[in-house]
Amino acid sequence: MSHEHASPSSAGDRLSLQADCTNCFGLCCVALPFTASADFAADKAAGQPCTNLQADFRCGIHAHLREKGFPGCVVFDCFGAGQKVSQTTFGGRDWRRAPHTARQMFDVFPVMRQLHELLWYLSQALELPQARPVHGDLRRALEDIDRLTRGSAETLAEVDAAALRHDVSDLLLRASELVRAEVPGRKKNHRGADLIGARLKGADLRGANLRGAYLIAADLRCADLRRADVIGVDFRDADLSGADLTGSIFCTQSQLNAAKGDAATTLPPELTRPAHWRT
């Protein structure tokens, strides 16, 4: 049975790009490897089911992942790739009842995840009115990638996701520049910067280019991140208490889930305040 959602080719429709674990065969808990660290309490090889995965493909410790030493699972987001592979690519056949599909399914999932992440960014860029000059290119890229996600497992296995990322990154940067150009004054450029543990309390980062920056454990309390480009920023354990992320570009739920914050943190309307943040 297919649980196909509407195509994300219409700006604003991201339902198909949100994880729906009830229609997934626990692929993130099986296909992906993880190493014992601050993010995961144990080692697990790719293709090996996590010991916490139950027979119904649900996580046995889902409500207690942080306390049990699995914060990495909390912040992971497949952008809807899990249910797409489970219900569309493999037509609802799960890897337990059809073990001959397992290896191919596990190989395809990481590819689909990358494609869905690109779709998420493209769909967000199409909602930016300032980026209208590149909307045509953005829409064509979105439709091409969306078409790929509906192909066969064999077709997906041959996708060069790295090349697609490169092309889409250039488009997204053009969209970002158009948005940030409206912010008055000189904007900070911290693209790819090592800002681990940086003291940025109250910093004016409006319209800043933070693409791919490492802001792990940074103090961003009360920082102004309005219209800052935060694509790929590592916010793990960064303190966003009281920070203003209104209109921040390409911010994802998983980035917020990895950070710290409080009731005074202002978020883009499409994102949700993480449950572990202070009230």
C-alpha atoms as a PDB file:
ATOM      1  CA  MET A   1       0.000   0.000   0.000  1.00  0.00           C
ATOM      2  CA  SER A   2       1.406   3.379  -0.999  1.00  0.00           C
ATOM      3  CA  HIS A   3       1.362   6.290   1.417  1.00  0.00           C
ATOM      4  CA  GLU A   4       2.436   8.803  -1.244  1.00  0.00           C
ATOM      5  CA  HIS A   5       2.170  12.439  -0.262  1.00  0.00           C
ATOM      6  CA  ALA A   6       1.797  15.360  -2.637  1.00  0.00           C
ATOM      7  CA  SER A   7       4.898  16.335  -4.572  1.00  0.00           C
ATOM      8  CA  PRO A   8       6.927  19.137  -3.001  1.00  0.00           C
ATOM      9  CA  SER A   9       6.987  20.856  -6.411  1.00  0.00           C
ATOM     10  CA  SER A  10       4.431  23.340  -5.043  1.00  0.00           C
ATOM     11  CA  ALA A  11       6.172  25.850  -2.811  1.00  0.00           C
ATOM     12  CA  GLY A  12       5.059  25.514   0.778  1.00  0.00           C
ATOM     13  CA  ASP A  13       4.059  21.855   0.536  1.00  0.00           C
ATOM     14  CA  ARG A  14       6.656  20.036   2.649  1.00  0.00           C
ATOM     15  CA  LEU A  15       4.476  17.258   4.014  1.00  0.00           C
ATOM     16  CA  SER A  16       6.320  14.636   1.982  1.00  0.00           C
ATOM     17  CA  LEU A  17       9.617  15.982   3.343  1.00  0.00           C
ATOM     18  CA  GLN A  18       8.773  15.335   6.983  1.00  0.00           C
ATOM     19  CA  ALA A  19       9.672  12.042   8.635  1.00  0.00           C
ATOM     20  CA  ASP A  20       6.716   9.687   9.068  1.00  0.00           C
ATOM     21  CA  CYS A  21       8.133   6.854  11.154  1.00  0.00           C
ATOM     22  CA  THR A  22       4.816   4.983  11.179  1.00  0.00           C
ATOM     23  CA  ASN A  23       5.255   4.304   7.459  1.00  0.00           C
ATOM     24  CA  CYS A  24       8.966   3.493   7.580  1.00  0.00           C
ATOM     25  CA  PHE A  25      10.652   0.166   8.238  1.00  0.00           C
ATOM     26  CA  GLY A  26      13.071   1.614  10.806  1.00  0.00           C
ATOM     27  CA  LEU A  27      15.623   2.314   8.090  1.00  0.00           C
ATOM     28  CA  CYS A  28      17.651   4.885  10.047  1.00  0.00           C
ATOM     29  CA  CYS A  29      17.917   2.287  12.835  1.00  0.00           C
ATOM     30  CA  VAL A  30      19.328  -0.336  10.476  1.00  0.00           C
ATOM     31  CA  ALA A  31      20.882   1.094   7.328  1.00  0.00           C
ATOM     32  CA  LEU A  32      23.173   3.642   8.957  1.00  0.00           C
ATOM     33  CA  PRO A  33      26.255   2.915  11.110  1.00  0.00           C
ATOM     34  CA  PHE A  34      27.105   4.692  14.335  1.00  0.00           C
ATOM     35  CA  THR A  35      30.078   4.693  16.666  1.00  0.00           C
ATOM     36  CA  ALA A  36      30.087   4.753  20.462  1.00  0.00           C
ATOM     37  CA  SER A  37      30.516   8.414  21.355  1.00  0.00           C
ATOM     38  CA  ALA A  38      28.759  11.325  23.027  1.00  0.00           C
ATOM     39  CA  ASP A  39      26.014  10.867  20.433  1.00  0.00           C
ATOM     40  CA  PHE A  40      25.580   7.090  20.627  1.00  0.00           C
ATOM     41  CA  ALA A  41      25.932   4.710  23.549  1.00  0.00           C
ATOM     42  CA  ALA A  42      27.198   1.801  21.437  1.00  0.00           C
ATOM     43  CA  ASP A  43      28.729   0.800  18.106  1.00  0.00           C
ATOM     44  CA  LYS A  44      26.528  -0.397  15.269  1.00  0.00           C
ATOM     45  CA  ALA A  45      27.533  -1.445  11.762  1.00  0.00           C
ATOM     46  CA  ALA A  46      25.635  -0.393   8.642  1.00  0.00           C
ATOM     47  CA  GLY A  47      22.903  -2.931   7.866  1.00  0.00           C
ATOM     48  CA  GLN A  48      22.781  -4.187  11.446  1.00  0.00           C
ATOM     49  CA  PRO A  49      19.542  -3.456  13.326  1.00  0.00           C
ATOM     50  CA  CYS A  50      19.922  -1.350  16.458  1.00  0.00           C
ATOM     51  CA  THR A  51      19.299  -3.424  19.578  1.00  0.00           C
ATOM     52  CA  ASN A  52      16.516  -0.982  20.502  1.00  0.00           C
ATOM     53  CA  LEU A  53      14.558  -1.596  17.289  1.00  0.00           C
ATOM     54  CA  GLN A  54      11.373  -3.557  17.986  1.00  0.00           C
ATOM     55  CA  ALA A  55       9.484  -6.036  15.806  1.00  0.00           C
ATOM     56  CA  ASP A  56       7.048  -3.305  14.717  1.00  0.00           C
ATOM     57  CA  PHE A  57       9.971  -1.118  13.555  1.00  0.00           C
ATOM     58  CA  ARG A  58       9.526   1.290  16.462  1.00  0.00           C
ATOM     59  CA  CYS A  59      12.250   2.347  18.874  1.00  0.00           C
ATOM     60  CA  GLY A  60      11.959   0.736  22.287  1.00  0.00           C
ATOM     61  CA  ILE A  61      13.547   3.727  24.048  1.00  0.00           C
ATOM     62  CA  HIS A  62      12.219   6.540  21.854  1.00  0.00           C
ATOM     63  CA  ALA A  63      10.909   8.561  24.802  1.00  0.00           C
ATOM     64  CA  HIS A  64      14.232   8.233  26.654  1.00  0.00           C
ATOM     65  CA  LEU A  65      16.874   8.458  23.918  1.00  0.00           C
ATOM     66  CA  ARG A  66      18.810  11.311  25.510  1.00  0.00           C
ATOM     67  CA  GLU A  67      18.864   9.712  28.957  1.00  0.00           C
ATOM     68  CA  LYS A  68      19.955   6.369  27.458  1.00  0.00           C
ATOM     69  CA  GLY A  69      22.895   7.957  25.629  1.00  0.00           C
ATOM     70  CA  PHE A  70      21.474   8.292  22.117  1.00  0.00           C
ATOM     71  CA  PRO A  71      21.107  12.056  21.489  1.00  0.00           C
ATOM     72  CA  GLY A  72      22.362  11.452  17.951  1.00  0.00           C
ATOM     73  CA  CYS A  73      19.101   9.673  17.183  1.00  0.00           C
ATOM     74  CA  VAL A  74      17.081  12.633  18.478  1.00  0.00           C
ATOM     75  CA  VAL A  75      18.721  15.095  16.114  1.00  0.00           C
ATOM     76  CA  PHE A  76      18.690  12.876  13.014  1.00  0.00           C
ATOM     77  CA  ASP A  77      16.174  13.831  10.325  1.00  0.00           C
ATOM     78  CA  CYS A  78      15.614  11.767   7.192  1.00  0.00           C
ATOM     79  CA  PHE A  79      13.450  14.510   5.618  1.00  0.00           C
ATOM     80  CA  GLY A  80      10.843  11.877   4.740  1.00  0.00           C
ATOM     81  CA  ALA A  81      13.262   9.573   2.928  1.00  0.00           C
ATOM     82  CA  GLY A  82      12.402   6.622   5.175  1.00  0.00           C
ATOM     83  CA  GLN A  83       8.767   6.370   4.194  1.00  0.00           C
ATOM     84  CA  LYS A  84       9.572   7.146   0.528  1.00  0.00           C
ATOM     85  CA  VAL A  85      11.964   4.181   0.311  1.00  0.00           C
ATOM     86  CA  SER A  86       9.691   1.923   2.364  1.00  0.00           C
ATOM     87  CA  GLN A  87       6.364   2.671   0.700  1.00  0.00           C
ATOM     88  CA  THR A  88       7.247   3.930  -2.781  1.00  0.00           C
ATOM     89  CA  THR A  89      10.609   2.515  -3.883  1.00  0.00           C
ATOM     90  CA  PHE A  90       9.905  -0.907  -2.360  1.00  0.00           C
ATOM     91  CA  GLY A  91       6.108  -0.775  -2.490  1.00  0.00           C
ATOM     92  CA  GLY A  92       5.543  -1.557   1.197  1.00  0.00           C
ATOM     93  CA  ARG A  93       7.670  -4.727   1.271  1.00  0.00           C
ATOM     94  CA  ASP A  94       9.717  -4.677   4.450  1.00  0.00           C
ATOM     95  CA  TRP A  95      13.214  -6.088   4.772  1.00  0.00           C
ATOM     96  CA  ARG A  96      12.182  -8.631   7.399  1.00  0.00           C
ATOM     97  CA  ARG A  97       9.428 -10.297   5.368  1.00  0.00           C
ATOM     98  CA  ALA A  98      11.378  -9.860   2.133  1.00  0.00           C
ATOM     99  CA  PRO A  99      15.004 -10.292   3.238  1.00  0.00           C
ATOM    100  CA  HIS A 100      16.237 -10.354  -0.358  1.00  0.00           C
ATOM    101  CA  THR A 101      15.427  -6.629  -0.543  1.00  0.00           C
ATOM    102  CA  ALA A 102      17.384  -5.695   2.582  1.00  0.00           C
ATOM    103  CA  ARG A 103      20.791  -4.851   1.152  1.00  0.00           C
ATOM    104  CA  GLN A 104      19.409  -2.850  -1.745  1.00  0.00           C
ATOM    105  CA  MET A 105      16.983  -1.026   0.546  1.00  0.00           C
ATOM    106  CA  PHE A 106      19.733  -0.114   2.980  1.00  0.00           C
ATOM    107  CA  ASP A 107      21.960   1.107   0.121  1.00  0.00           C
ATOM    108  CA  VAL A 108      19.219   3.269  -1.374  1.00  0.00           C
ATOM    109  CA  PHE A 109      18.134   4.918   1.890  1.00  0.00           C
ATOM    110  CA  PRO A 110      21.200   7.210   2.356  1.00  0.00           C
ATOM    111  CA  VAL A 111      20.881   8.330  -1.281  1.00  0.00           C
ATOM    112  CA  MET A 112      17.188   9.100  -0.863  1.00  0.00           C
ATOM    113  CA  ARG A 113      17.921  10.959   2.342  1.00  0.00           C
ATOM    114  CA  GLN A 114      20.320  13.284   0.521  1.00  0.00           C
ATOM    115  CA  LEU A 115      17.816  13.870  -2.272  1.00  0.00           C
ATOM    116  CA  HIS A 116      15.031  14.685   0.183  1.00  0.00           C
ATOM    117  CA  GLU A 117      17.277  17.092   2.066  1.00  0.00           C
ATOM    118  CA  LEU A 118      17.965  18.929  -1.197  1.00  0.00           C
ATOM    119  CA  LEU A 119      14.230  19.027  -1.909  1.00  0.00           C
ATOM    120  CA  TRP A 120      13.642  20.544   1.524  1.00  0.00           C
ATOM    121  CA  TYR A 121      16.138  23.344   0.900  1.00  0.00           C
ATOM    122  CA  LEU A 122      14.825  23.992  -2.608  1.00  0.00           C
ATOM    123  CA  SER A 123      11.231  24.148  -1.400  1.00  0.00           C
ATOM    124  CA  GLN A 124      12.247  26.651   1.272  1.00  0.00           C
ATOM    125  CA  ALA A 125      14.123  28.778  -1.276  1.00  0.00           C
ATOM    126  CA  LEU A 126      10.981  28.868  -3.414  1.00  0.00           C
ATOM    127  CA  GLU A 127       9.141  30.475  -0.498  1.00  0.00           C
ATOM    128  CA  LEU A 128      11.571  33.399  -0.384  1.00  0.00           C
ATOM    129  CA  PRO A 129      10.067  36.303  -2.340  1.00  0.00           C
ATOM    130  CA  GLN A 130      13.451  38.035  -2.581  1.00  0.00           C
ATOM    131  CA  ALA A 131      14.773  34.984  -4.477  1.00  0.00           C
ATOM    132  CA  ARG A 132      12.203  35.354  -7.272  1.00  0.00           C
ATOM    133  CA  PRO A 133      14.898  35.990  -9.929  1.00  0.00           C
ATOM    134  CA  VAL A 134      16.119  32.399  -9.460  1.00  0.00           C
ATOM    135  CA  HIS A 135      12.753  30.747  -8.789  1.00  0.00           C
ATOM    136  CA  GLY A 136      12.681  29.271 -12.291  1.00  0.00           C
ATOM    137  CA  ASP A 137      16.031  27.542 -11.836  1.00  0.00           C
ATOM    138  CA  LEU A 138      15.090  26.444  -8.330  1.00  0.00           C
ATOM    139  CA  ARG A 139      11.817  24.918  -9.505  1.00  0.00           C
ATOM    140  CA  ARG A 140      13.485  23.053 -12.371  1.00  0.00           C
ATOM    141  CA  ALA A 141      16.066  21.610  -9.977  1.00  0.00           C
ATOM    142  CA  LEU A 142      13.352  20.614  -7.516  1.00  0.00           C
ATOM    143  CA  GLU A 143      11.278  18.880 -10.187  1.00  0.00           C
ATOM    144  CA  ASP A 144      14.313  17.024 -11.573  1.00  0.00           C
ATOM    145  CA  ILE A 145      15.304  15.737  -8.125  1.00  0.00           C
ATOM    146  CA  ASP A 146      11.716  14.906  -7.205  1.00  0.00           C
ATOM    147  CA  ARG A 147      11.535  12.810 -10.379  1.00  0.00           C
ATOM    148  CA  LEU A 148      14.685  10.961  -9.348  1.00  0.00           C
ATOM    149  CA  THR A 149      13.188  10.075  -5.954  1.00  0.00           C
ATOM    150  CA  ARG A 150      10.335   8.271  -7.719  1.00  0.00           C
ATOM    151  CA  GLY A 151      12.644   6.089  -9.784  1.00  0.00           C
ATOM    152  CA  SER A 152      13.524   2.455  -9.243  1.00  0.00           C
ATOM    153  CA  ALA A 153      15.968   1.231  -6.638  1.00  0.00           C
ATOM    154  CA  GLU A 154      18.432   0.494  -9.435  1.00  0.00           C
ATOM    155  CA  THR A 155      18.164   4.056 -10.762  1.00  0.00           C
ATOM    156  CA  LEU A 156      18.569   5.552  -7.296  1.00  0.00           C
ATOM    157  CA  ALA A 157      21.674   3.476  -6.621  1.00  0.00           C
ATOM    158  CA  GLU A 158      23.367   5.145  -9.606  1.00  0.00           C
ATOM    159  CA  VAL A 159      22.568   8.720  -8.578  1.00  0.00           C
ATOM    160  CA  ASP A 160      25.605  10.964  -8.091  1.00  0.00           C
ATOM    161  CA  ALA A 161      24.317  12.744  -4.998  1.00  0.00           C
ATOM    162  CA  ALA A 162      27.568  14.675  -4.517  1.00  0.00           C
ATOM    163  CA  ALA A 163      27.300  16.257  -7.970  1.00  0.00           C
ATOM    164  CA  LEU A 164      23.677  17.169  -7.352  1.00  0.00           C
ATOM    165  CA  ARG A 165      24.602  18.750  -4.024  1.00  0.00           C
ATOM    166  CA  HIS A 166      27.226  20.881  -5.732  1.00  0.00           C
ATOM    167  CA  ASP A 167      24.803  22.163  -8.352  1.00  0.00           C
ATOM    168  CA  VAL A 168      22.004  22.801  -5.867  1.00  0.00           C
ATOM    169  CA  SER A 169      24.396  24.504  -3.436  1.00  0.00           C
ATOM    170  CA  ASP A 170      25.226  27.117  -6.068  1.00  0.00           C
ATOM    171  CA  LEU A 171      21.513  27.787  -6.631  1.00  0.00           C
ATOM    172  CA  LEU A 172      20.777  28.043  -2.927  1.00  0.00           C
ATOM    173  CA  LEU A 173      23.681  30.443  -2.439  1.00  0.00           C
ATOM    174  CA  ARG A 174      22.270  32.708  -5.155  1.00  0.00           C
ATOM    175  CA  ALA A 175      18.895  32.671  -3.394  1.00  0.00           C
ATOM    176  CA  SER A 176      20.582  33.381  -0.065  1.00  0.00           C
ATOM    177  CA  GLU A 177      22.523  36.331  -1.451  1.00  0.00           C
ATOM    178  CA  LEU A 178      19.320  37.905  -2.794  1.00  0.00           C
ATOM    179  CA  VAL A 179      17.678  37.620   0.628  1.00  0.00           C
ATOM    180  CA  ARG A 180      20.654  38.857   2.627  1.00  0.00           C
ATOM    181  CA  ALA A 181      21.224  41.784   0.269  1.00  0.00           C
ATOM    182  CA  GLU A 182      18.168  43.443   1.825  1.00  0.00           C
ATOM    183  CA  VAL A 183      19.831  43.536   5.248  1.00  0.00           C
ATOM    184  CA  PRO A 184      21.435  46.974   5.673  1.00  0.00           C
ATOM    185  CA  GLY A 185      25.104  47.387   6.477  1.00  0.00           C
ATOM    186  CA  ARG A 186      28.073  45.084   6.094  1.00  0.00           C
ATOM    187  CA  LYS A 187      27.240  41.427   6.735  1.00  0.00           C
ATOM    188  CA  LYS A 188      29.622  39.064   8.492  1.00  0.00           C
ATOM    189  CA  ASN A 189      31.072  36.191   6.492  1.00  0.00           C
ATOM    190  CA  HIS A 190      31.809  33.151   8.660  1.00  0.00           C
ATOM    191  CA  ARG A 191      31.335  30.543   5.959  1.00  0.00           C
ATOM    192  CA  GLY A 192      32.913  27.262   7.090  1.00  0.00           C
ATOM    193  CA  ALA A 193      34.488  29.003  10.102  1.00  0.00           C
ATOM    194  CA  ASP A 194      35.638  27.185  13.224  1.00  0.00           C
ATOM    195  CA  LEU A 195      33.582  28.937  15.892  1.00  0.00           C
ATOM    196  CA  ILE A 196      33.522  26.057  18.343  1.00  0.00           C
ATOM    197  CA  GLY A 197      32.848  27.456  21.806  1.00  0.00           C
ATOM    198  CA  ALA A 198      32.829  31.018  20.462  1.00  0.00           C
ATOM    199  CA  ARG A 199      31.506  33.753  22.746  1.00  0.00           C
ATOM    200  CA  LEU A 200      28.865  35.385  20.589  1.00  0.00           C
ATOM    201  CA  LYS A 201      26.370  36.465  23.206  1.00  0.00           C
ATOM    202  CA  GLY A 202      24.281  39.319  21.809  1.00  0.00           C
ATOM    203  CA  ALA A 203      26.189  39.264  18.509  1.00  0.00           C
ATOM    204  CA  ASP A 204      24.686  41.054  15.518  1.00  0.00           C
ATOM    205  CA  LEU A 205      24.645  38.306  12.882  1.00  0.00           C
ATOM    206  CA  ARG A 206      21.825  39.691  10.774  1.00  0.00           C
ATOM    207  CA  GLY A 207      22.251  38.583   7.179  1.00  0.00           C
ATOM    208  CA  ALA A 208      25.499  36.777   8.018  1.00  0.00           C
ATOM    209  CA  ASN A 209      26.872  33.973   5.879  1.00  0.00           C
ATOM    210  CA  LEU A 210      27.318  31.107   8.338  1.00  0.00           C
ATOM    211  CA  ARG A 211      27.126  28.309   5.781  1.00  0.00           C
ATOM    212  CA  GLY A 212      28.852  25.186   7.106  1.00  0.00           C
ATOM    213  CA  ALA A 213      30.234  26.954  10.179  1.00  0.00           C
ATOM    214  CA  TYR A 214      31.129  24.974  13.307  1.00  0.00           C
ATOM    215  CA  LEU A 215      29.222  26.583  16.177  1.00  0.00           C
ATOM    216  CA  ILE A 216      29.439  23.597  18.517  1.00  0.00           C
ATOM    217  CA  ALA A 217      28.911  24.723  22.133  1.00  0.00           C
ATOM    218  CA  ALA A 218      29.004  28.379  21.051  1.00  0.00           C
ATOM    219  CA  ASP A 219      27.384  30.993  23.283  1.00  0.00           C
ATOM    220  CA  LEU A 220      24.730  32.552  21.049  1.00  0.00           C
ATOM    221  CA  ARG A 221      22.481  33.794  23.810  1.00  0.00           C
ATOM    222  CA  CYS A 222      20.396  36.763  22.617  1.00  0.00           C
ATOM    223  CA  ALA A 223      22.272  36.780  19.289  1.00  0.00           C
ATOM    224  CA  ASP A 224      20.488  38.318  16.297  1.00  0.00           C
ATOM    225  CA  LEU A 225      20.394  35.700  13.528  1.00  0.00           C
ATOM    226  CA  ARG A 226      17.628  37.242  11.465  1.00  0.00           C
ATOM    227  CA  ARG A 227      18.061  36.403   7.771  1.00  0.00           C
ATOM    228  CA  ALA A 228      21.367  34.677   8.480  1.00  0.00           C
ATOM    229  CA  ASP A 229      22.192  31.787   6.146  1.00  0.00           C
ATOM    230  CA  VAL A 230      22.654  28.787   8.466  1.00  0.00           C
ATOM    231  CA  ILE A 231      22.667  25.941   5.956  1.00  0.00           C
ATOM    232  CA  GLY A 232      24.892  23.139   7.237  1.00  0.00           C
ATOM    233  CA  VAL A 233      25.758  24.939  10.496  1.00  0.00           C
ATOM    234  CA  ASP A 234      26.707  22.581  13.320  1.00  0.00           C
ATOM    235  CA  PHE A 235      24.727  23.887  16.302  1.00  0.00           C
ATOM    236  CA  ARG A 236      25.415  20.925  18.601  1.00  0.00           C
ATOM    237  CA  ASP A 237      25.166  22.153  22.206  1.00  0.00           C
ATOM    238  CA  ALA A 238      25.173  25.783  21.049  1.00  0.00           C
ATOM    239  CA  ASP A 239      23.173  27.989  23.427  1.00  0.00           C
ATOM    240  CA  LEU A 240      20.459  29.797  21.465  1.00  0.00           C
ATOM    241  CA  SER A 241      18.602  31.038  24.547  1.00  0.00           C
ATOM    242  CA  GLY A 242      16.908  34.320  23.711  1.00  0.00           C
ATOM    243  CA  ALA A 243      18.356  34.316  20.182  1.00  0.00           C
ATOM    244  CA  ASP A 244      16.292  35.614  17.261  1.00  0.00           C
ATOM    245  CA  LEU A 245      16.227  33.266  14.274  1.00  0.00           C
ATOM    246  CA  THR A 246      13.302  34.990  12.565  1.00  0.00           C
ATOM    247  CA  GLY A 247      13.707  34.614   8.828  1.00  0.00           C
ATOM    248  CA  SER A 248      16.963  32.674   9.168  1.00  0.00           C
ATOM    249  CA  ILE A 249      17.638  30.922   5.877  1.00  0.00           C
ATOM    250  CA  PHE A 250      17.711  27.126   5.553  1.00  0.00           C
ATOM    251  CA  CYS A 251      17.434  26.404   9.283  1.00  0.00           C
ATOM    252  CA  THR A 252      16.277  22.837   9.935  1.00  0.00           C
ATOM    253  CA  GLN A 253      14.530  21.124  12.802  1.00  0.00           C
ATOM    254  CA  SER A 254      17.488  18.809  13.348  1.00  0.00           C
ATOM    255  CA  GLN A 255      19.773  21.817  13.883  1.00  0.00           C
ATOM    256  CA  LEU A 256      17.466  23.120  16.601  1.00  0.00           C
ATOM    257  CA  ASN A 257      17.175  19.653  18.160  1.00  0.00           C
ATOM    258  CA  ALA A 258      20.967  19.556  18.478  1.00  0.00           C
ATOM    259  CA  ALA A 259      21.129  22.969  20.164  1.00  0.00           C
ATOM    260  CA  LYS A 260      20.043  24.411  23.496  1.00  0.00           C
ATOM    261  CA  GLY A 261      17.445  27.126  23.812  1.00  0.00           C
ATOM    262  CA  ASP A 262      14.589  28.465  25.868  1.00  0.00           C
ATOM    263  CA  ALA A 263      11.119  29.977  25.666  1.00  0.00           C
ATOM    264  CA  ALA A 264      12.615  33.316  24.615  1.00  0.00           C
ATOM    265  CA  THR A 265      14.278  31.889  21.493  1.00  0.00           C
ATOM    266  CA  THR A 266      12.425  33.163  18.421  1.00  0.00           C
ATOM    267  CA  LEU A 267      12.087  30.551  15.670  1.00  0.00           C
ATOM    268  CA  PRO A 268      11.013  30.495  12.028  1.00  0.00           C
ATOM    269  CA  PRO A 269       7.267  29.648  11.962  1.00  0.00           C
ATOM    270  CA  GLU A 270       7.723  26.297  10.202  1.00  0.00           C
ATOM    271  CA  LEU A 271       9.952  24.921  12.973  1.00  0.00           C
ATOM    272  CA  THR A 272       9.056  23.590  16.431  1.00  0.00           C
ATOM    273  CA  ARG A 273      10.617  24.374  19.796  1.00  0.00           C
ATOM    274  CA  PRO A 274      12.458  21.193  20.937  1.00  0.00           C
ATOM    275  CA  ALA A 275      11.034  19.498  24.029  1.00  0.00           C
ATOM    276  CA  HIS A 276      14.381  19.519  25.860  1.00  0.00           C
ATOM    277  CA  TRP A 277      14.743  23.321  25.697  1.00  0.00           C
ATOM    278  CA  ARG A 278      14.241  25.287  28.897  1.00  0.00           C
ATOM    279  CA  THR A 279      10.797  26.763  29.455  1.00  0.00           C
END
